[in-house]
Amino acid sequence: MDELIEAALAGLSNSSKRKYRFVFRSFLRIVSLEEAKPIHVRIWASRREGTISRRTLKQQLYMLSRLFKIAGRKDLSNEARALAKEIRAPPPHPKVNEELFRTYQQIERLLANAKPLQRAAIMMLAETGMRVGELVSLRWEDVDLTNKRALVRGKGGRSRYVYFTSRTKKLLEEISAKRKEDMVFPVTARTIRRWVSQLLNTHPHAVRHAFAVWFLSKGGNPRVLQRILGHSSLRTTEIYLDLTQSLIEREYRMVTGGER
């Protein structure tokens, strides 16, 4: 068995060998390769759950598949890889530009010297939480200025309404008067990113994050925010709850000096 393990470790760095060897032996403590069945891969994985992250478990299953492949156990290798694909790593923790969050309600002032199209585009991002790809795909026929809302076609072909305020309505009316085509913002996503970088010193997704944190900090319902942002899972939206609480507490400590 040691020879088989060493064969599976061939070509790896010393650091990787230690990690792989640990994973191999943890499985072999449950059952030998000769007696192992695909169900044992799932048993091993279930025992690992809760002790390591999903991302790490996914990596370790791929490590095991390497051993199984060398051992000629295609059934076990296929099971390990199939299980690894079933495990979805949690979404990355959103990064919120705290300075942008603090000045969020004064964002219009930051755009005072921008061109009308730039102001309208960035205000739409700031007030709706739209993705930059959704913004540049927006058509005038999807914009309802009377009710201050827009129909957005998001990921997976899912459509949803987003809403904006009277200040953004005025900006949209201004550029609408000069429109020459069906697209609301006849520019590329790259151009939008450049505008946000130049005018706000950040990127469009940071504006989306800031909108989400601002919405929740004002008492907004996470399920409503889920619909506005176009998240397929509430779990993704709930990540912002911890961020909101953290930022509110830091803002409070800064204002009060931590004395109360």
Protein backbone atom coordinates (compact mmCIF):
# COMPACT_ATOMS: atom_id res chain seq x y z
CA MET A 1 0.00 0.00 0.00
CA ASP A 2 2.86 2.38 0.78
CA GLU A 3 4.23 1.80 -2.72
CA LEU A 4 0.85 2.67 -4.19
CA ILE A 5 0.66 5.88 -2.17
CA GLU A 6 4.16 6.87 -3.22
CA ALA A 7 3.23 6.26 -6.85
CA ALA A 8 0.24 8.57 -6.45
CA LEU A 9 2.52 11.23 -4.95
CA ALA A 10 5.02 11.14 -7.80
CA GLY A 11 5.72 14.53 -9.33
CA LEU A 12 4.28 16.55 -6.42
CA SER A 13 6.21 19.04 -4.31
CA ASN A 14 7.17 18.05 -0.77
CA SER A 15 4.49 20.35 0.63
CA SER A 16 1.81 18.82 -1.59
CA LYS A 17 2.98 15.31 -0.76
CA ARG A 18 2.31 15.91 2.92
CA LYS A 19 -1.22 17.12 2.20
CA TYR A 20 -2.02 14.28 -0.20
CA ARG A 21 -0.54 11.64 2.10
CA PHE A 22 -2.69 12.89 5.00
CA VAL A 23 -5.84 12.66 2.86
CA PHE A 24 -4.96 9.22 1.49
CA ARG A 25 -4.35 7.77 4.96
CA SER A 26 -7.51 9.33 6.40
CA PHE A 27 -9.54 7.42 3.81
CA LEU A 28 -7.60 4.18 4.23
CA ARG A 29 -8.31 4.25 7.97
CA ILE A 30 -11.96 3.67 7.07
CA VAL A 31 -11.54 0.87 4.56
CA SER A 32 -8.88 -0.75 2.42
CA LEU A 33 -8.79 -0.07 -1.32
CA GLU A 34 -9.53 -3.73 -2.02
CA GLU A 35 -12.77 -3.62 -0.01
CA ALA A 36 -13.77 -0.04 -0.76
CA LYS A 37 -17.00 0.72 -2.58
CA PRO A 38 -18.24 4.07 -3.93
CA ILE A 39 -20.42 4.51 -0.83
CA HIS A 40 -17.26 4.61 1.28
CA VAL A 41 -16.18 7.79 -0.54
CA ARG A 42 -19.40 9.47 0.59
CA ILE A 43 -19.04 8.10 4.11
CA TRP A 44 -15.53 9.53 4.29
CA ALA A 45 -16.71 12.88 2.95
CA SER A 46 -19.64 13.04 5.39
CA ARG A 47 -17.23 12.58 8.30
CA ARG A 48 -15.07 15.41 6.99
CA GLU A 49 -18.00 17.81 6.67
CA GLY A 50 -18.11 20.33 9.48
CA THR A 51 -14.43 19.92 10.26
CA ILE A 52 -13.14 21.59 7.09
CA SER A 53 -14.55 24.07 4.59
CA ARG A 54 -16.52 22.95 1.54
CA ARG A 55 -13.75 24.31 -0.65
CA THR A 56 -11.15 22.19 1.15
CA LEU A 57 -13.34 19.08 1.04
CA LYS A 58 -13.75 19.57 -2.69
CA GLN A 59 -9.97 19.75 -3.10
CA GLN A 60 -9.44 16.65 -0.97
CA LEU A 61 -11.89 14.63 -3.03
CA TYR A 62 -9.88 15.42 -6.13
CA MET A 63 -6.78 14.34 -4.23
CA LEU A 64 -8.43 11.00 -3.44
CA SER A 65 -9.42 10.52 -7.06
CA ARG A 66 -5.72 10.63 -7.91
CA LEU A 67 -5.01 7.70 -5.57
CA PHE A 68 -7.99 5.73 -6.85
CA LYS A 69 -6.93 6.26 -10.45
CA ILE A 70 -3.40 5.01 -9.75
CA ALA A 71 -4.89 1.99 -7.95
CA GLY A 72 -7.01 1.14 -10.98
CA ARG A 73 -10.26 1.84 -9.09
CA LYS A 74 -12.09 3.83 -11.74
CA ASP A 75 -15.38 3.40 -9.86
CA LEU A 76 -13.98 5.12 -6.78
CA SER A 77 -12.24 7.81 -8.80
CA ASN A 78 -15.44 8.64 -10.68
CA GLU A 79 -17.39 8.76 -7.42
CA ALA A 80 -14.89 11.11 -5.78
CA ARG A 81 -14.91 13.47 -8.75
CA ALA A 82 -18.70 13.37 -9.05
CA LEU A 83 -19.09 14.20 -5.37
CA ALA A 84 -16.55 17.01 -5.66
CA LYS A 85 -18.62 18.54 -8.47
CA GLU A 86 -21.73 18.39 -6.28
CA ILE A 87 -20.08 20.52 -3.62
CA ARG A 88 -20.59 24.18 -4.29
CA ALA A 89 -18.11 26.49 -2.64
CA PRO A 90 -19.69 29.48 -0.87
CA PRO A 91 -19.67 32.71 -2.83
CA PRO A 92 -16.72 34.98 -2.13
CA HIS A 93 -17.29 37.52 0.62
CA PRO A 94 -18.28 40.84 -0.94
CA LYS A 95 -15.83 43.67 -0.49
CA VAL A 96 -17.43 46.97 0.40
CA ASN A 97 -15.65 50.26 -0.12
CA GLU A 98 -16.37 51.79 3.30
CA GLU A 99 -15.65 55.33 2.16
CA LEU A 100 -18.14 54.90 -0.67
CA PHE A 101 -20.65 53.49 1.81
CA ARG A 102 -20.28 56.51 4.10
CA THR A 103 -20.74 58.97 1.22
CA TYR A 104 -23.37 56.86 -0.51
CA GLN A 105 -26.18 59.35 -0.02
CA GLN A 106 -23.94 62.16 -1.32
CA ILE A 107 -22.96 60.22 -4.44
CA GLU A 108 -24.71 62.77 -6.64
CA ARG A 109 -22.27 65.40 -5.39
CA LEU A 110 -19.34 63.23 -6.47
CA LEU A 111 -20.76 63.24 -10.00
CA ALA A 112 -21.40 66.97 -10.17
CA ASN A 113 -18.81 67.61 -12.88
CA ALA A 114 -19.54 64.47 -14.90
CA LYS A 115 -21.29 64.44 -18.27
CA PRO A 116 -25.07 63.71 -18.29
CA LEU A 117 -24.64 60.19 -19.69
CA GLN A 118 -22.00 59.40 -17.06
CA ARG A 119 -24.15 60.73 -14.22
CA ALA A 120 -27.20 58.82 -15.40
CA ALA A 121 -25.28 55.55 -15.78
CA ILE A 122 -23.60 55.70 -12.39
CA MET A 123 -26.76 56.82 -10.60
CA MET A 124 -28.61 53.87 -12.12
CA LEU A 125 -25.93 51.55 -10.74
CA ALA A 126 -26.05 53.25 -7.35
CA GLU A 127 -29.83 53.29 -6.97
CA THR A 128 -30.71 49.91 -8.46
CA GLY A 129 -27.77 47.62 -7.66
CA MET A 130 -27.69 46.53 -11.31
CA ARG A 131 -24.75 44.62 -12.72
CA VAL A 132 -22.73 46.55 -15.29
CA GLY A 133 -23.66 44.01 -17.99
CA GLU A 134 -27.34 44.54 -17.23
CA LEU A 135 -26.90 48.30 -17.40
CA VAL A 136 -25.38 48.35 -20.88
CA SER A 137 -28.09 45.94 -22.10
CA LEU A 138 -30.91 48.20 -20.94
CA ARG A 139 -33.26 49.45 -23.69
CA TRP A 140 -35.55 52.45 -23.55
CA GLU A 141 -38.56 50.19 -24.02
CA ASP A 142 -37.63 48.57 -20.67
CA VAL A 143 -37.58 51.88 -18.80
CA ASP A 144 -40.81 53.11 -17.19
CA LEU A 145 -40.11 56.71 -16.26
CA THR A 146 -43.64 57.30 -14.98
CA ASN A 147 -43.34 54.60 -12.31
CA LYS A 148 -39.56 55.03 -11.93
CA ARG A 149 -38.63 51.45 -12.65
CA ALA A 150 -36.82 49.39 -15.27
CA LEU A 151 -37.18 45.82 -16.46
CA VAL A 152 -33.80 44.10 -16.26
CA ARG A 153 -32.87 40.88 -17.99
CA GLY A 154 -30.35 39.22 -15.73
CA LYS A 155 -28.44 35.96 -15.46
CA GLY A 156 -30.07 32.81 -16.75
CA GLY A 157 -32.63 34.79 -18.72
CA ARG A 158 -34.42 35.82 -15.51
CA SER A 159 -36.18 39.18 -15.62
CA ARG A 160 -36.86 41.49 -12.70
CA TYR A 161 -37.83 45.07 -11.97
CA VAL A 162 -35.44 47.52 -10.36
CA TYR A 163 -36.44 50.92 -9.04
CA PHE A 164 -34.92 54.37 -9.00
CA THR A 165 -35.67 57.78 -7.49
CA SER A 166 -36.82 61.09 -8.93
CA ARG A 167 -33.24 62.38 -9.18
CA THR A 168 -32.29 59.51 -11.49
CA LYS A 169 -35.55 59.94 -13.40
CA LYS A 170 -34.52 63.53 -14.20
CA LEU A 171 -31.13 62.34 -15.45
CA LEU A 172 -32.77 59.72 -17.65
CA GLU A 173 -35.20 62.27 -19.03
CA GLU A 174 -32.26 64.53 -19.87
CA ILE A 175 -30.42 61.89 -21.90
CA SER A 176 -33.69 60.58 -23.37
CA ALA A 177 -34.30 63.94 -25.02
CA LYS A 178 -31.08 63.48 -26.99
CA ARG A 179 -31.27 59.77 -27.67
CA LYS A 180 -30.48 58.44 -31.12
CA GLU A 181 -30.90 54.68 -30.58
CA ASP A 182 -32.77 52.07 -28.54
CA MET A 183 -30.02 51.48 -25.96
CA VAL A 184 -30.24 53.65 -22.86
CA PHE A 185 -26.47 53.63 -22.44
CA PRO A 186 -24.88 53.10 -25.87
CA VAL A 187 -21.43 52.33 -24.47
CA THR A 188 -19.51 49.19 -23.52
CA ALA A 189 -19.18 47.64 -20.06
CA ARG A 190 -15.50 48.58 -20.20
CA THR A 191 -16.44 52.23 -20.63
CA ILE A 192 -18.77 52.09 -17.61
CA ARG A 193 -16.00 50.56 -15.52
CA ARG A 194 -13.64 53.35 -16.58
CA TRP A 195 -16.18 56.02 -15.64
CA VAL A 196 -16.76 54.49 -12.20
CA SER A 197 -13.03 54.21 -11.64
CA GLN A 198 -12.39 57.83 -12.65
CA LEU A 199 -15.34 59.41 -10.83
CA LEU A 200 -15.71 57.22 -7.73
CA ASN A 201 -12.28 55.60 -7.51
CA THR A 202 -13.82 52.15 -7.33
CA HIS A 203 -15.45 49.55 -9.62
CA PRO A 204 -19.12 48.91 -10.56
CA HIS A 205 -19.50 45.79 -8.41
CA ALA A 206 -18.37 47.79 -5.38
CA VAL A 207 -21.22 50.20 -6.11
CA ARG A 208 -23.59 47.19 -6.22
CA HIS A 209 -22.25 46.02 -2.85
CA ALA A 210 -22.58 49.50 -1.37
CA PHE A 211 -26.20 49.67 -2.54
CA ALA A 212 -26.95 46.31 -0.87
CA VAL A 213 -25.38 47.35 2.44
CA TRP A 214 -27.13 50.74 2.33
CA PHE A 215 -30.50 49.08 1.62
CA LEU A 216 -30.18 46.72 4.59
CA SER A 217 -28.81 49.43 6.89
CA LYS A 218 -32.05 51.34 6.26
CA GLY A 219 -34.09 48.35 7.40
CA GLY A 220 -34.73 46.81 3.98
CA ASN A 221 -35.98 43.23 3.82
CA PRO A 222 -33.30 40.71 2.67
CA ARG A 223 -35.87 38.89 0.52
CA VAL A 224 -36.78 42.12 -1.24
CA LEU A 225 -33.09 42.83 -1.77
CA GLN A 226 -32.69 39.33 -3.21
CA ARG A 227 -35.29 40.16 -5.86
CA ILE A 228 -33.78 43.56 -6.60
CA LEU A 229 -30.24 42.19 -7.01
CA GLY A 230 -31.41 39.15 -8.98
CA HIS A 231 -29.83 36.58 -6.66
CA SER A 232 -31.10 33.05 -7.24
CA SER A 233 -30.42 32.15 -3.60
CA LEU A 234 -31.28 34.10 -0.44
CA ARG A 235 -28.08 32.70 1.05
CA THR A 236 -26.06 34.90 -1.30
CA THR A 237 -27.99 38.00 -0.24
CA GLU A 238 -27.68 37.22 3.48
CA ILE A 239 -23.92 37.65 3.26
CA TYR A 240 -24.60 41.38 3.28
CA LEU A 241 -26.32 41.19 6.67
CA ASP A 242 -23.05 40.58 8.51
CA LEU A 243 -21.34 43.28 6.49
CA THR A 244 -24.10 45.74 7.30
CA GLN A 245 -23.93 45.09 11.02
CA SER A 246 -20.15 45.36 11.01
CA LEU A 247 -20.12 48.67 9.14
CA ILE A 248 -22.90 50.15 11.30
CA GLU A 249 -21.04 49.23 14.48
CA ARG A 250 -17.77 50.75 13.24
CA GLU A 251 -19.58 53.90 12.17
CA TYR A 252 -21.17 54.12 15.63
CA ARG A 253 -17.81 53.65 17.40
CA MET A 254 -16.26 56.33 15.22
CA VAL A 255 -19.04 58.83 15.91
CA THR A 256 -19.25 58.18 19.65
CA GLY A 257 -15.54 57.62 20.22
CA GLY A 258 -16.42 54.24 21.73
CA GLU A 259 -17.43 55.86 25.02
CA ARG A 260 -21.09 54.83 25.10
